C-alpha atoms as a PDB file:
ATOM      1  CA  MET A   1       0.000   0.000   0.000  1.00  0.00           C
ATOM      2  CA  LYS A   2       2.859   2.394   0.835  1.00  0.00           C
ATOM      3  CA  LYS A   3       4.450   1.832  -2.587  1.00  0.00           C
ATOM      4  CA  LEU A   4       1.156   2.681  -4.275  1.00  0.00           C
ATOM      5  CA  LEU A   5       0.780   5.895  -2.271  1.00  0.00           C
ATOM      6  CA  ASP A   6       4.422   6.830  -2.971  1.00  0.00           C
ATOM      7  CA  LEU A   7       3.832   6.258  -6.686  1.00  0.00           C
ATOM      8  CA  ILE A   8       0.727   8.454  -6.689  1.00  0.00           C
ATOM      9  CA  GLY A   9       2.344  11.250  -4.658  1.00  0.00           C
ATOM     10  CA  SER A  10       5.773  11.309  -6.308  1.00  0.00           C
ATOM     11  CA  PRO A  11       4.892  13.875  -9.041  1.00  0.00           C
ATOM     12  CA  PHE A  12       3.925  16.370  -6.326  1.00  0.00           C
ATOM     13  CA  VAL A  13       7.227  16.242  -4.422  1.00  0.00           C
ATOM     14  CA  TYR A  14       9.556  19.215  -4.878  1.00  0.00           C
ATOM     15  CA  ARG A  15      13.039  18.302  -5.999  1.00  0.00           C
ATOM     16  CA  SER A  16      15.564  21.111  -5.810  1.00  0.00           C
ATOM     17  CA  PRO A  17      17.932  21.671  -8.737  1.00  0.00           C
ATOM     18  CA  THR A  18      21.178  19.777  -8.375  1.00  0.00           C
ATOM     19  CA  ASN A  19      23.575  22.533  -9.413  1.00  0.00           C
ATOM     20  CA  LYS A  20      23.860  26.237 -10.241  1.00  0.00           C
ATOM     21  CA  VAL A  21      23.285  25.831 -13.979  1.00  0.00           C
ATOM     22  CA  GLU A  22      20.101  23.822 -13.565  1.00  0.00           C
ATOM     23  CA  ALA A  23      18.781  26.283 -10.997  1.00  0.00           C
ATOM     24  CA  TRP A  24      19.485  29.187 -13.367  1.00  0.00           C
ATOM     25  CA  ARG A  25      17.844  27.332 -16.268  1.00  0.00           C
ATOM     26  CA  LYS A  26      14.696  26.720 -14.227  1.00  0.00           C
ATOM     27  CA  ASN A  27      14.433  30.360 -13.129  1.00  0.00           C
ATOM     28  CA  ALA A  28      15.211  31.683 -16.624  1.00  0.00           C
ATOM     29  CA  MET A  29      12.195  29.876 -18.036  1.00  0.00           C
ATOM     30  CA  TYR A  30      10.040  32.409 -16.161  1.00  0.00           C
ATOM     31  CA  MET A  31      11.713  35.323 -17.962  1.00  0.00           C
ATOM     32  CA  THR A  32      10.210  36.712 -21.152  1.00  0.00           C
ATOM     33  CA  SER A  33      11.842  36.029 -24.498  1.00  0.00           C
ATOM     34  CA  ARG A  34      12.589  39.731 -24.845  1.00  0.00           C
ATOM     35  CA  GLN A  35      14.457  39.758 -21.510  1.00  0.00           C
ATOM     36  CA  LEU A  36      16.451  36.714 -22.592  1.00  0.00           C
ATOM     37  CA  GLN A  37      17.296  38.363 -25.914  1.00  0.00           C
ATOM     38  CA  LYS A  38      18.690  41.401 -24.093  1.00  0.00           C
ATOM     39  CA  LEU A  39      20.625  39.163 -21.726  1.00  0.00           C
ATOM     40  CA  THR A  40      22.201  37.108 -24.502  1.00  0.00           C
ATOM     41  CA  GLY A  41      22.621  39.944 -26.988  1.00  0.00           C
ATOM     42  CA  ILE A  42      20.841  37.977 -29.717  1.00  0.00           C
ATOM     43  CA  SER A  43      18.276  39.936 -31.728  1.00  0.00           C
ATOM     44  CA  ALA A  44      16.940  37.047 -33.843  1.00  0.00           C
ATOM     45  CA  HIS A  45      13.816  35.223 -32.719  1.00  0.00           C
ATOM     46  CA  TYR A  46      14.650  31.911 -31.069  1.00  0.00           C
ATOM     47  CA  SER A  47      12.736  29.825 -28.557  1.00  0.00           C
ATOM     48  CA  LYS A  48      13.417  30.314 -24.860  1.00  0.00           C
ATOM     49  CA  ALA A  49      15.150  26.955 -24.652  1.00  0.00           C
ATOM     50  CA  VAL A  50      17.603  27.918 -27.395  1.00  0.00           C
ATOM     51  CA  LEU A  51      18.332  31.320 -25.847  1.00  0.00           C
ATOM     52  CA  ILE A  52      18.895  29.781 -22.420  1.00  0.00           C
ATOM     53  CA  SER A  53      21.140  27.049 -23.811  1.00  0.00           C
ATOM     54  CA  ARG A  54      23.236  29.552 -25.750  1.00  0.00           C
ATOM     55  CA  TYR A  55      23.608  31.761 -22.664  1.00  0.00           C
ATOM     56  CA  ILE A  56      24.687  28.808 -20.541  1.00  0.00           C
ATOM     57  CA  ASN A  57      27.161  27.626 -23.194  1.00  0.00           C
ATOM     58  CA  GLU A  58      28.717  31.068 -23.544  1.00  0.00           C
ATOM     59  CA  ASN A  59      28.712  32.301 -19.945  1.00  0.00           C
ATOM     60  CA  MET A  60      28.550  29.342 -17.595  1.00  0.00           C
ATOM     61  CA  SER A  61      30.933  26.916 -19.245  1.00  0.00           C
ATOM     62  CA  THR A  62      33.393  25.202 -16.930  1.00  0.00           C
ATOM     63  CA  ASN A  63      36.243  25.304 -19.474  1.00  0.00           C
ATOM     64  CA  ASP A  64      37.240  28.917 -18.797  1.00  0.00           C
END
């Protein structure tokens, strides 16, 4: 019975992001596309996911 209740309730459990990049990615999804364009310096229209990925690749890479 406990396994069944755990299975039903598991989608409602908050899981914190595991690192800084994932936390930033999650919070950036709440920004508007226009804010992300200003942040990245890209004027072309891309989806939020693309803008966020490009920002992370350019500014949060670990190979600096």
